[in-house]
């Protein structure tokens, strides 16, 4: 048996394994991402950001309720202004819009 025949015989034996591994390397991440079994960095960042906004809105709500006992009775613009006032973090010039909106939504309830 020549060297080329030996290589061809080994390739025929290994080809199904190599093809299977190649398909798995490509299809595996696509399948697990589609099924939701892995979290992308973008999804993780969005979840962290939503948690931060929620936490800041809770602080805003508690401080606003300390100033106005029943903010749900205020009209929309007054409630929004109250939320913007208390959503401004120490050292910041203005409130983040997402925090102010969430705070106003919580004050309406």
N, C-alpha and C. Protein backbone atom coordinates (compact mmCIF):
# COMPACT_ATOMS: atom_id res chain seq x y z
N UNK A 1 0.85 -1.17 0.00
CA UNK A 1 0.00 0.00 0.00
C UNK A 1 0.90 1.23 0.00
N UNK A 2 0.57 2.16 -0.86
CA UNK A 2 1.37 3.36 -0.96
C UNK A 2 0.91 4.37 0.09
N UNK A 3 1.69 5.41 0.22
CA UNK A 3 1.38 6.43 1.21
C UNK A 3 0.08 7.14 0.87
N UNK A 4 -0.19 7.42 -0.40
CA UNK A 4 -1.42 8.10 -0.81
C UNK A 4 -2.64 7.22 -0.53
N UNK A 5 -2.51 5.93 -0.77
CA UNK A 5 -3.63 5.03 -0.49
C UNK A 5 -3.90 4.97 1.01
N UNK A 6 -2.84 5.00 1.82
CA UNK A 6 -2.98 4.99 3.27
C UNK A 6 -3.69 6.25 3.76
N UNK A 7 -3.32 7.40 3.19
CA UNK A 7 -3.96 8.67 3.56
C UNK A 7 -5.43 8.66 3.13
N UNK A 8 -5.71 8.14 1.93
CA UNK A 8 -7.09 8.09 1.45
C UNK A 8 -7.94 7.18 2.33
N UNK A 9 -7.38 6.07 2.77
CA UNK A 9 -8.11 5.14 3.64
C UNK A 9 -8.40 5.81 4.99
N UNK A 10 -7.42 6.50 5.54
CA UNK A 10 -7.64 7.19 6.82
C UNK A 10 -8.68 8.30 6.68
N UNK A 11 -8.63 9.03 5.55
CA UNK A 11 -9.60 10.11 5.34
C UNK A 11 -11.02 9.56 5.24
N UNK A 12 -11.20 8.45 4.52
CA UNK A 12 -12.53 7.85 4.41
C UNK A 12 -13.04 7.42 5.79
N UNK A 13 -12.17 6.99 6.67
CA UNK A 13 -12.59 6.57 8.01
C UNK A 13 -12.89 7.79 8.88
N UNK A 14 -12.15 8.85 8.72
CA UNK A 14 -12.30 10.03 9.58
C UNK A 14 -13.30 11.05 9.03
N UNK A 15 -13.66 10.97 7.75
CA UNK A 15 -14.50 11.98 7.12
C UNK A 15 -15.84 12.16 7.83
N UNK A 16 -16.58 11.13 8.21
CA UNK A 16 -17.86 11.35 8.89
C UNK A 16 -17.71 12.09 10.22
N UNK A 17 -16.64 11.80 10.94
CA UNK A 17 -16.40 12.48 12.21
C UNK A 17 -16.07 13.95 11.98
N UNK A 18 -15.23 14.23 11.00
CA UNK A 18 -14.84 15.62 10.71
C UNK A 18 -16.05 16.42 10.22
N UNK A 19 -16.85 15.85 9.36
CA UNK A 19 -18.05 16.54 8.86
C UNK A 19 -19.03 16.78 10.01
N UNK A 20 -19.22 15.79 10.86
CA UNK A 20 -20.11 15.95 12.00
C UNK A 20 -19.64 17.03 12.95
N UNK A 21 -18.35 17.08 13.22
CA UNK A 21 -17.80 18.13 14.08
C UNK A 21 -17.97 19.51 13.45
N UNK A 22 -17.75 19.61 12.15
CA UNK A 22 -17.89 20.90 11.46
C UNK A 22 -19.34 21.38 11.52
N UNK A 23 -20.28 20.49 11.29
CA UNK A 23 -21.70 20.86 11.38
C UNK A 23 -22.05 21.26 12.81
N UNK A 24 -21.55 20.54 13.79
CA UNK A 24 -21.82 20.87 15.18
C UNK A 24 -21.25 22.21 15.60
N UNK A 25 -20.06 22.53 15.10
CA UNK A 25 -19.43 23.81 15.44
C UNK A 25 -20.25 24.97 14.88
N UNK A 26 -20.83 24.79 13.70
CA UNK A 26 -21.62 25.86 13.10
C UNK A 26 -23.05 25.87 13.65
N UNK A 27 -23.70 24.71 13.69
CA UNK A 27 -25.11 24.64 14.08
C UNK A 27 -25.31 24.76 15.59
N UNK A 28 -24.36 24.31 16.38
CA UNK A 28 -24.52 24.32 17.84
C UNK A 28 -24.81 25.69 18.41
N UNK A 29 -23.95 26.68 18.17
CA UNK A 29 -24.23 28.02 18.71
C UNK A 29 -25.51 28.64 18.16
N UNK A 30 -25.79 28.41 16.87
CA UNK A 30 -27.03 28.96 16.30
C UNK A 30 -28.26 28.35 16.96
N UNK A 31 -28.24 27.07 17.16
CA UNK A 31 -29.37 26.38 17.78
C UNK A 31 -29.55 26.78 19.24
N UNK A 32 -28.48 26.80 20.01
CA UNK A 32 -28.61 27.14 21.43
C UNK A 32 -28.99 28.61 21.62
N UNK A 33 -28.56 29.47 20.73
CA UNK A 33 -28.95 30.88 20.82
C UNK A 33 -30.43 31.05 20.48
N UNK A 34 -30.88 30.35 19.46
CA UNK A 34 -32.28 30.43 19.05
C UNK A 34 -33.20 29.88 20.13
N UNK A 35 -32.81 28.82 20.77
CA UNK A 35 -33.63 28.22 21.82
C UNK A 35 -33.54 28.96 23.14
N UNK A 36 -32.62 29.92 23.23
CA UNK A 36 -32.50 30.71 24.45
C UNK A 36 -31.65 30.06 25.52
N UNK A 37 -30.83 29.11 25.16
CA UNK A 37 -29.99 28.43 26.14
C UNK A 37 -28.71 29.19 26.45
N UNK A 38 -28.46 30.25 25.72
CA UNK A 38 -27.28 31.06 26.01
C UNK A 38 -27.70 32.53 25.99
N UNK A 39 -26.99 33.33 26.71
CA UNK A 39 -27.31 34.75 26.80
C UNK A 39 -26.20 35.52 26.10
N UNK A 40 -26.60 36.35 25.15
CA UNK A 40 -25.61 37.16 24.46
C UNK A 40 -25.26 38.36 25.33
N UNK A 41 -24.16 38.98 25.04
CA UNK A 41 -23.75 40.14 25.84
C UNK A 41 -24.74 41.28 25.70
N UNK A 42 -25.33 41.42 24.54
CA UNK A 42 -26.33 42.48 24.33
C UNK A 42 -27.55 42.26 25.21
N UNK A 43 -28.03 41.03 25.27
CA UNK A 43 -29.18 40.71 26.12
C UNK A 43 -28.85 40.94 27.58
N UNK A 44 -27.66 40.54 27.98
CA UNK A 44 -27.25 40.75 29.37
C UNK A 44 -27.18 42.23 29.70
N UNK A 45 -26.64 43.04 28.80
CA UNK A 45 -26.56 44.48 29.02
C UNK A 45 -27.95 45.10 29.11
N UNK A 46 -28.87 44.66 28.27
CA UNK A 46 -30.24 45.17 28.32
C UNK A 46 -30.92 44.82 29.65
N UNK A 47 -30.69 43.61 30.12
CA UNK A 47 -31.28 43.19 31.40
C UNK A 47 -30.69 43.97 32.56
N UNK A 48 -29.39 44.20 32.53
CA UNK A 48 -28.75 44.98 33.59
C UNK A 48 -29.27 46.40 33.57
N UNK A 49 -29.38 46.99 32.39
CA UNK A 49 -29.88 48.36 32.27
C UNK A 49 -31.31 48.47 32.78
N UNK A 50 -32.15 47.49 32.44
CA UNK A 50 -33.54 47.50 32.92
C UNK A 50 -33.58 47.40 34.44
N UNK A 51 -32.69 46.62 35.02
CA UNK A 51 -32.63 46.51 36.48
C UNK A 51 -32.19 47.80 37.15
N UNK A 52 -31.22 48.47 36.54
CA UNK A 52 -30.74 49.75 37.08
C UNK A 52 -31.86 50.80 37.01
N UNK A 53 -32.55 50.87 35.89
CA UNK A 53 -33.65 51.83 35.73
C UNK A 53 -34.74 51.53 36.75
N UNK A 54 -35.08 50.27 36.92
CA UNK A 54 -36.10 49.89 37.89
C UNK A 54 -35.70 50.30 39.31
N UNK A 55 -34.46 50.07 39.67
CA UNK A 55 -33.99 50.42 41.01
C UNK A 55 -34.02 51.93 41.22
N UNK A 56 -33.55 52.68 40.24
CA UNK A 56 -33.56 54.14 40.36
C UNK A 56 -34.99 54.67 40.41
N UNK A 57 -35.90 54.04 39.67
CA UNK A 57 -37.30 54.47 39.68
C UNK A 57 -37.93 54.19 41.04
N UNK A 58 -37.54 53.11 41.69
CA UNK A 58 -38.06 52.83 43.03
C UNK A 58 -37.61 53.88 44.03
N UNK A 59 -36.34 54.30 43.94
CA UNK A 59 -35.85 55.36 44.82
C UNK A 59 -36.61 56.67 44.54
N UNK A 60 -36.78 56.96 43.26
CA UNK A 60 -37.50 58.17 42.86
C UNK A 60 -38.92 58.14 43.40
N UNK A 61 -39.58 57.01 43.27
CA UNK A 61 -40.96 56.89 43.74
C UNK A 61 -41.06 57.11 45.24
N UNK A 62 -40.17 56.50 45.99
CA UNK A 62 -40.25 56.65 47.45
C UNK A 62 -39.99 58.10 47.87
N UNK A 63 -39.03 58.77 47.23
CA UNK A 63 -38.76 60.17 47.57
C UNK A 63 -39.91 61.08 47.14
N UNK A 64 -40.52 60.81 46.00
CA UNK A 64 -41.65 61.62 45.54
C UNK A 64 -42.87 61.41 46.43
N UNK A 65 -43.11 60.18 46.86
CA UNK A 65 -44.25 59.91 47.75
C UNK A 65 -44.05 60.55 49.12
N UNK A 66 -42.79 60.75 49.52
CA UNK A 66 -42.53 61.45 50.78
C UNK A 66 -42.90 62.93 50.66
N UNK A 67 -42.77 63.48 49.46
CA UNK A 67 -43.12 64.89 49.24
C UNK A 67 -44.63 65.06 49.03
N UNK A 68 -45.23 64.18 48.21
CA UNK A 68 -46.66 64.27 47.90
C UNK A 68 -47.29 62.95 48.33
N UNK A 69 -48.24 63.03 49.26
CA UNK A 69 -48.78 61.79 49.84
C UNK A 69 -49.59 60.97 48.83
N UNK A 70 -50.31 61.60 47.91
CA UNK A 70 -51.10 60.86 46.93
C UNK A 70 -50.81 61.38 45.52
N UNK A 71 -49.68 60.96 44.95
CA UNK A 71 -49.32 61.48 43.62
C UNK A 71 -50.23 60.99 42.51
N UNK A 72 -50.99 59.93 42.73
CA UNK A 72 -51.89 59.43 41.69
C UNK A 72 -53.01 60.42 41.40
N UNK A 73 -53.31 61.30 42.34
CA UNK A 73 -54.37 62.30 42.15
C UNK A 73 -53.88 63.50 41.34
N UNK A 74 -52.57 63.61 41.14
CA UNK A 74 -52.02 64.71 40.34
C UNK A 74 -52.31 64.46 38.87
N UNK A 75 -52.37 65.53 38.09
CA UNK A 75 -52.53 65.34 36.65
C UNK A 75 -51.20 64.84 36.06
N UNK A 76 -51.25 64.45 34.81
CA UNK A 76 -50.09 63.81 34.17
C UNK A 76 -48.86 64.72 34.19
N UNK A 77 -49.02 65.99 33.85
CA UNK A 77 -47.85 66.87 33.76
C UNK A 77 -47.24 67.14 35.14
N UNK A 78 -48.06 67.29 36.16
CA UNK A 78 -47.54 67.52 37.51
C UNK A 78 -46.82 66.27 38.01
N UNK A 79 -47.39 65.11 37.72
CA UNK A 79 -46.76 63.84 38.12
C UNK A 79 -45.44 63.65 37.38
N UNK A 80 -45.42 64.02 36.11
CA UNK A 80 -44.20 63.90 35.33
C UNK A 80 -43.12 64.85 35.85
N UNK A 81 -43.50 66.06 36.20
CA UNK A 81 -42.56 67.04 36.74
C UNK A 81 -42.01 66.56 38.09
N UNK A 82 -42.89 66.02 38.93
CA UNK A 82 -42.45 65.47 40.22
C UNK A 82 -41.47 64.32 40.01
N UNK A 83 -41.78 63.47 39.05
CA UNK A 83 -40.89 62.34 38.75
C UNK A 83 -39.54 62.83 38.25
N UNK A 84 -39.53 63.83 37.36
CA UNK A 84 -38.27 64.36 36.85
C UNK A 84 -37.44 64.98 37.97
N UNK A 85 -38.11 65.62 38.90
CA UNK A 85 -37.39 66.25 40.02
C UNK A 85 -36.65 65.20 40.85
N UNK A 86 -37.34 64.12 41.18
CA UNK A 86 -36.73 63.12 42.06
C UNK A 86 -35.95 62.05 41.32
N UNK A 87 -36.07 61.99 40.01
CA UNK A 87 -35.29 61.01 39.23
C UNK A 87 -33.88 61.51 38.95
N UNK A 88 -33.64 62.79 39.17
CA UNK A 88 -32.30 63.34 38.95
C UNK A 88 -31.37 62.82 40.04
N UNK A 89 -30.32 62.15 39.62
CA UNK A 89 -29.37 61.58 40.56
C UNK A 89 -28.45 62.66 41.11
N UNK A 90 -27.93 62.49 42.31
CA UNK A 90 -26.99 63.47 42.86
C UNK A 90 -25.80 63.65 41.93
N UNK A 91 -25.47 64.89 41.64
CA UNK A 91 -24.35 65.19 40.76
C UNK A 91 -24.73 65.28 39.29
N UNK A 92 -25.95 64.87 38.94
CA UNK A 92 -26.39 64.94 37.55
C UNK A 92 -27.13 66.24 37.30
N UNK A 93 -27.05 66.72 36.07
CA UNK A 93 -27.73 67.97 35.73
C UNK A 93 -29.21 67.75 35.43
N UNK A 94 -29.56 66.58 34.92
CA UNK A 94 -30.95 66.27 34.60
C UNK A 94 -31.20 64.78 34.80
N UNK A 95 -32.46 64.44 34.80
CA UNK A 95 -32.86 63.04 35.00
C UNK A 95 -32.78 62.28 33.68
N UNK A 96 -32.48 60.99 33.77
CA UNK A 96 -32.55 60.14 32.59
C UNK A 96 -34.01 59.94 32.25
N UNK A 97 -34.33 59.97 30.97
CA UNK A 97 -35.74 59.90 30.56
C UNK A 97 -36.39 58.57 30.94
N UNK A 98 -35.66 57.48 30.82
CA UNK A 98 -36.23 56.17 31.17
C UNK A 98 -36.58 56.08 32.64
N UNK A 99 -35.72 56.63 33.49
CA UNK A 99 -35.96 56.59 34.94
C UNK A 99 -37.15 57.47 35.27
N UNK A 100 -37.22 58.67 34.68
CA UNK A 100 -38.32 59.58 34.96
C UNK A 100 -39.65 58.99 34.49
N UNK A 101 -39.66 58.37 33.33
CA UNK A 101 -40.89 57.76 32.81
C UNK A 101 -41.35 56.62 33.70
N UNK A 102 -40.43 55.77 34.12
CA UNK A 102 -40.79 54.65 34.98
C UNK A 102 -41.27 55.15 36.34
N UNK A 103 -40.62 56.18 36.86
CA UNK A 103 -41.01 56.76 38.14
C UNK A 103 -42.43 57.33 38.03
N UNK A 104 -42.71 58.06 36.97
CA UNK A 104 -44.04 58.64 36.78
C UNK A 104 -45.09 57.54 36.66
N UNK A 105 -44.74 56.45 35.99
CA UNK A 105 -45.67 55.32 35.87
C UNK A 105 -45.97 54.72 37.23
N UNK A 106 -44.95 54.59 38.07
CA UNK A 106 -45.13 54.04 39.40
C UNK A 106 -45.96 55.00 40.28
N UNK A 107 -45.78 56.29 40.09
CA UNK A 107 -46.53 57.27 40.87
C UNK A 107 -48.01 57.27 40.47
N UNK A 108 -48.32 56.90 39.26
CA UNK A 108 -49.69 56.88 38.80
C UNK A 108 -50.48 55.71 39.41
N UNK A 109 -49.78 54.71 39.84
CA UNK A 109 -50.46 53.51 40.38
C UNK A 109 -50.89 53.70 41.82
